[in-house]
Each structure stands twice: as structure tokens, then as C-alpha cells.
Protein backbone atom coordinates (compact mmCIF):
# COMPACT_ATOMS: atom_id res chain seq x y z
CA UNK A 1 -200.71 -44.34 52.17
CA UNK A 2 -198.86 -45.68 49.18
CA UNK A 3 -200.95 -46.53 46.21
CA UNK A 4 -198.77 -46.66 43.27
CA UNK A 5 -195.21 -47.75 42.39
CA UNK A 6 -193.16 -46.47 39.13
CA UNK A 7 -190.28 -48.67 38.36
CA UNK A 8 -187.22 -47.60 36.11
CA UNK A 9 -186.37 -50.29 33.83
CA UNK A 10 -182.65 -49.84 32.88
CA UNK A 11 -180.30 -50.95 35.75
CA UNK A 12 -183.33 -51.59 38.13
CA UNK A 13 -185.41 -54.02 36.92
CA UNK A 14 -183.45 -54.96 33.69
CA UNK A 15 -179.54 -54.98 33.37
CA UNK A 16 -178.47 -52.41 30.93
CA UNK A 17 -174.91 -52.71 31.93
CA UNK A 18 -174.63 -56.63 31.47
CA UNK A 19 -176.36 -55.97 28.16
CA UNK A 20 -173.98 -53.44 27.16
CA UNK A 21 -170.76 -55.40 27.85
CA UNK A 22 -172.50 -58.54 26.04
CA UNK A 23 -173.41 -56.36 22.94
CA UNK A 24 -169.92 -55.01 23.07
CA UNK A 25 -168.04 -58.19 23.17
CA UNK A 26 -170.26 -59.89 20.23
CA UNK A 27 -170.30 -56.73 18.25
CA UNK A 28 -166.39 -55.82 18.19
CA UNK A 29 -166.33 -59.64 16.80
CA UNK A 30 -169.05 -58.89 14.42
CA UNK A 31 -167.54 -55.71 13.18
CA UNK A 32 -163.86 -56.75 13.04
CA UNK A 33 -162.75 -53.90 15.56
CA UNK A 34 -160.67 -55.75 18.11
CA UNK A 35 -161.41 -57.58 21.35
CA UNK A 36 -163.21 -55.97 24.03
CA UNK A 37 -161.68 -55.31 27.24
CA UNK A 38 -163.43 -54.62 30.80
CA UNK A 39 -162.07 -51.26 30.85
CA UNK A 40 -163.95 -50.26 27.73
CA UNK A 41 -167.07 -50.37 29.39
CA UNK A 42 -166.31 -47.28 31.75
CA UNK A 43 -165.83 -45.37 28.76
CA UNK A 44 -169.09 -46.20 27.42
CA UNK A 45 -170.83 -45.62 30.73
CA UNK A 46 -169.27 -41.94 30.96
CA UNK A 47 -170.05 -41.15 27.26
CA UNK A 48 -173.46 -42.46 27.36
CA UNK A 49 -174.28 -40.82 30.69
CA UNK A 50 -173.14 -37.58 29.48
CA UNK A 51 -175.40 -37.59 26.67
CA UNK A 52 -178.38 -38.99 28.55
CA UNK A 53 -177.84 -35.96 31.17
CA UNK A 54 -177.82 -33.63 28.12
CA UNK A 55 -181.33 -35.25 27.53
CA UNK A 56 -182.60 -34.80 30.95
CA UNK A 57 -181.59 -31.21 30.55
CA UNK A 58 -183.25 -30.55 27.19
CA UNK A 59 -179.93 -29.90 25.51
CA UNK A 60 -179.97 -32.96 23.09
CA UNK A 61 -182.92 -35.57 21.84
CA UNK A 62 -182.57 -39.30 21.25
CA UNK A 63 -182.34 -39.36 17.51
CA UNK A 64 -179.08 -37.07 18.08
CA UNK A 65 -177.80 -39.35 20.87
CA UNK A 66 -178.08 -42.19 18.06
CA UNK A 67 -176.13 -40.56 15.60
CA UNK A 68 -173.15 -39.40 17.78
CA UNK A 69 -172.74 -42.24 20.50
CA UNK A 70 -170.71 -44.83 19.07
CA UNK A 71 -168.36 -42.44 17.00
CA UNK A 72 -168.07 -40.53 20.45
CA UNK A 73 -166.88 -43.85 22.20
CA UNK A 74 -164.74 -45.19 19.22
CA UNK A 75 -162.75 -41.94 19.08
CA UNK A 76 -162.04 -42.28 22.81
CA UNK A 77 -160.86 -45.74 22.63
CA UNK A 78 -158.69 -45.14 19.31
CA UNK A 79 -161.05 -47.39 17.34
CA UNK A 80 -161.61 -46.52 13.47
CA UNK A 81 -165.16 -47.80 13.04
CA UNK A 82 -168.89 -46.85 11.87
CA UNK A 83 -170.39 -45.31 14.95
CA UNK A 84 -173.69 -45.07 13.41
CA UNK A 85 -173.60 -48.61 11.87
CA UNK A 86 -172.45 -49.86 15.16
CA UNK A 87 -175.50 -47.94 16.74
CA UNK A 88 -178.08 -49.71 14.52
CA UNK A 89 -176.56 -53.14 15.53
CA UNK A 90 -176.54 -52.28 19.06
CA UNK A 91 -180.23 -51.00 19.39
CA UNK A 92 -181.02 -54.30 17.38
CA UNK A 93 -179.33 -56.32 19.93
CA UNK A 94 -180.90 -54.02 23.01
CA UNK A 95 -184.50 -54.63 21.53
CA UNK A 96 -184.46 -58.37 22.56
CA UNK A 97 -182.35 -58.16 25.71
CA UNK A 98 -183.81 -58.84 28.75
CA UNK A 99 -181.35 -59.70 31.52
CA UNK A 100 -183.04 -59.51 34.85
CA UNK A 101 -181.44 -57.46 37.89
CA UNK A 102 -180.80 -59.83 40.74
CA UNK A 103 -184.05 -60.17 42.89
CA UNK A 104 -186.26 -58.25 39.91
CA UNK A 105 -188.74 -60.85 39.19
CA UNK A 106 -189.19 -61.79 43.03
CA UNK A 107 -190.07 -58.12 44.12
CA UNK A 108 -192.40 -57.67 41.06
CA UNK A 109 -194.48 -60.93 42.11
CA UNK A 110 -194.19 -59.69 45.91
CA UNK A 111 -195.70 -56.42 45.20
CA UNK A 112 -198.39 -57.37 42.35
CA UNK A 113 -201.62 -56.96 43.67
CA UNK A 114 -200.57 -54.86 46.71
CA UNK A 115 -199.94 -52.09 44.87
CA UNK A 116 -200.55 -50.70 41.10
CA UNK A 117 -197.18 -51.20 39.36
CA UNK A 118 -196.16 -49.10 36.34
CA UNK A 119 -193.29 -48.31 34.52
CA UNK A 120 -191.45 -44.93 34.05
CA UNK A 121 -188.79 -45.10 31.66
CA UNK A 122 -186.78 -42.56 29.10
CA UNK A 123 -186.08 -44.41 25.97
CA UNK A 124 -188.02 -45.71 22.75
CA UNK A 125 -191.32 -47.26 23.68
CA UNK A 126 -191.10 -50.55 21.43
CA UNK A 127 -187.91 -51.44 22.52
CA UNK A 128 -188.68 -50.99 26.08
CA UNK A 129 -192.20 -52.49 25.71
CA UNK A 130 -190.35 -55.62 23.85
CA UNK A 131 -187.41 -56.17 26.58
CA UNK A 132 -190.33 -56.15 29.12
CA UNK A 133 -192.14 -58.77 27.17
CA UNK A 134 -189.19 -60.87 26.41
CA UNK A 135 -188.29 -60.74 30.11
CA UNK A 136 -191.83 -62.23 31.00
CA UNK A 137 -192.35 -59.34 33.09
CA UNK A 138 -194.54 -57.32 31.24
CA UNK A 139 -198.01 -58.57 32.78
CA UNK A 140 -197.14 -56.88 36.06
CA UNK A 141 -197.68 -53.47 34.87
CA UNK A 142 -200.95 -51.91 34.41
CA UNK A 143 -199.41 -48.89 32.65
CA UNK A 144 -196.18 -47.59 30.60
CA UNK A 145 -194.94 -44.43 31.07
CA UNK A 146 -191.98 -44.23 28.38
CA UNK A 147 -190.72 -41.12 27.04
CA UNK A 148 -190.78 -41.36 23.32
CA UNK A 149 -194.57 -41.94 23.73
CA UNK A 150 -195.23 -39.41 25.81
CA UNK A 151 -193.13 -36.66 24.37
CA UNK A 152 -191.53 -35.58 27.35
CA UNK A 153 -188.68 -37.13 29.62
CA UNK A 154 -187.75 -37.98 33.19
CA UNK A 155 -186.67 -35.76 35.46
CA UNK A 156 -189.33 -33.17 33.89
CA UNK A 157 -192.56 -32.28 35.91
CA UNK A 158 -194.45 -32.42 32.46
CA UNK A 159 -193.65 -36.31 32.63
CA UNK A 160 -194.62 -36.79 36.46
CA UNK A 161 -197.61 -34.83 35.91
CA UNK A 162 -198.77 -36.89 33.05
CA UNK A 163 -198.11 -40.05 34.88
CA UNK A 164 -200.42 -38.99 37.59
CA UNK A 165 -203.05 -37.47 34.91
CA UNK A 166 -203.18 -40.91 33.33
CA UNK A 167 -203.16 -42.83 36.82
CA UNK A 168 -206.22 -40.74 37.76
CA UNK A 169 -207.90 -41.23 34.56
CA UNK A 170 -208.08 -45.14 35.25
CA UNK A 171 -208.82 -44.67 39.20
CA UNK A 172 -212.32 -44.27 41.26
CA UNK A 173 -210.03 -42.69 43.97
CA UNK A 174 -208.04 -39.73 43.47
CA UNK A 175 -204.26 -40.66 43.30
CA UNK A 176 -201.86 -37.64 45.06
CA UNK A 177 -198.30 -37.74 44.13
CA UNK A 178 -197.49 -38.36 47.90
CA UNK A 179 -199.21 -41.97 47.40
CA UNK A 180 -196.67 -42.55 44.64
CA UNK A 181 -193.33 -43.88 44.32
CA UNK A 182 -190.58 -44.05 42.21
CA UNK A 183 -187.96 -46.97 42.37
CA UNK A 184 -184.81 -46.16 40.39
CA UNK A 185 -181.04 -46.12 39.93
CA UNK A 186 -180.95 -42.54 38.83
CA UNK A 187 -180.03 -39.64 41.51
CA UNK A 188 -181.14 -37.22 38.75
CA UNK A 189 -184.09 -38.60 36.57
CA UNK A 190 -185.54 -40.78 39.10
CA UNK A 191 -185.03 -39.40 42.35
CA UNK A 192 -184.99 -35.73 41.87
CA UNK A 193 -187.51 -35.75 39.25
CA UNK A 194 -189.96 -37.87 41.64
CA UNK A 195 -188.92 -36.00 44.98
CA UNK A 196 -189.63 -32.45 43.38
CA UNK A 197 -192.92 -33.64 42.03
CA UNK A 198 -194.02 -34.65 45.78
CA UNK A 199 -193.30 -38.52 45.32
CA UNK A 200 -191.74 -41.10 47.34
CA UNK A 201 -188.47 -42.34 46.18
CA UNK A 202 -186.46 -45.25 46.54
CA UNK A 203 -183.00 -45.39 45.20
CA UNK A 204 -181.77 -48.61 43.68
CA UNK A 205 -178.02 -47.96 44.91
CA UNK A 206 -175.95 -51.23 44.65
CA UNK A 207 -172.76 -49.38 44.42
CA UNK A 208 -173.64 -47.27 47.67
CA UNK A 209 -173.24 -44.15 46.31
CA UNK A 210 -172.97 -40.88 48.24
CA UNK A 211 -176.13 -38.74 47.53
CA UNK A 212 -176.15 -35.16 47.89
CA UNK A 213 -177.53 -33.33 50.73
CA UNK A 214 -180.26 -31.72 48.51
CA UNK A 215 -181.92 -34.96 47.52
CA UNK A 216 -184.27 -36.11 50.28
CA UNK A 217 -184.53 -39.75 49.73
CA UNK A 218 -187.28 -41.95 51.12
CA UNK A 219 -185.39 -45.02 50.90
CA UNK A 220 -181.83 -45.93 49.91
CA UNK A 221 -181.36 -49.56 49.46
CA UNK A 222 -178.26 -51.43 47.84
CA UNK A 223 -180.45 -54.36 46.70
CA UNK A 224 -184.11 -54.81 45.44
CA UNK A 225 -184.48 -57.40 48.04
CA UNK A 226 -184.34 -55.20 50.67
CA UNK A 227 -187.52 -53.31 49.45
CA UNK A 228 -189.71 -56.35 50.45
CA UNK A 229 -188.77 -55.57 54.24
CA UNK A 230 -189.62 -51.91 53.66
CA UNK A 231 -193.31 -52.38 51.78
């Protein structure tokens, strides 16, 4: 029986990709470093994903990511600019960004009251909370499991164990991992992390990525609208 749903934030309920494109267009103009081109987003994605995978493995922390991310991106783009200054602008811009993923608000409205809804996100606490607030969706969540505040990150067992512990501290009936589902766009931090802890998994997979055999998903959906037919 499903009791709790954990939602990843970026590219699951709020579009991080659309925010990045918007911030790069505005930022390149603001810093006078040229004209943004669509292929530049792919460079950002590759660098950013590699850095976050390093964080998931415990090889890097978020403070270090902020120091090196945009210098690495600019180097690959052949752009001479102050990466740390651009990172500061990027984070300030992100703090107030709340571009909904298609179908996210409708899904939250549908699930609210049927299940306990919580956030499970790797990222800065105040930033993620403010984005949920700006997007008008904060009230749907009864708890926010955010890595900076928790001191551990997905996909670690410590992260998911802390989620269960906090859920049970507020519940009259014991909640088991198998009664919790995580919905997210990452095969590693969301799906693999949840699966290894015994949770149900729902992979938000709009680009129909191939799923490795070792990741045994409960559900694999290409749109959030499909989840309403599942739950």
C-alpha cells in the first residue's frame, strides 16, 4: 500500500533546463560575453551532470561545484569570463526561478490528500524552498528533504533513511520504505537510490531514455499526466 510520495524538484516538478536556457541568454548579455546559442546548453548539461554525479559519489561538495562549474563551462565554450562571478548571478537568478514542468501542478492537486507528499532534493535549502514558494506549490508538501539541510545527498542510504525516520516521527502508523514512492528524473540519485532502499520508483522519462537492466523500476512514464492513471 502506498502512503507517501517523494518528489524530486529539478526537471521533475520545476524545469531546471528551461531556467538554465533563460539565465544563460540573459546572463551572456548582462556580462557582455557574446550571444547564447542553443548548442551551448548541451555543454552546460554535460559539465553540470558530471559534477553532480561526483557529488552523488561523495567525490565533490556543493561549495566546490560553485567555484569550478562555470569556469569549466566557459573553458569548453572558448569564452573568457569570470566563472565565479557568473555562478553568483546564476544562483541568484535560480533562487527566484519557478518554471513548472508540464502537468506538475495538476498532478500535485490530484495527489494532495490521497497521499503524504514530500520533496526529496539535492541542493541548497533556502533556494529550493523559495522556488517552491514562488511557484505556488509549497503548501502541497508536508516535509522537505533537502540535502544541504540534511547533511547527506541522494542516492545515499543515509538520505533515504533520514526521510523514513522523519516521516515516522510525524506518523501514528509506522511507514515502511515499500510504502513510499520516489518520483524523479534521475536514474542514479532518484531511481537507484530509492530502489536500493526498498522504495517504489517512478521514473519521469520525457526523452524515453534507455534504462539499465540493473535498475528495476516500478513505473517508467514519459509525462507527469500518466501518473494520474497509475495512482
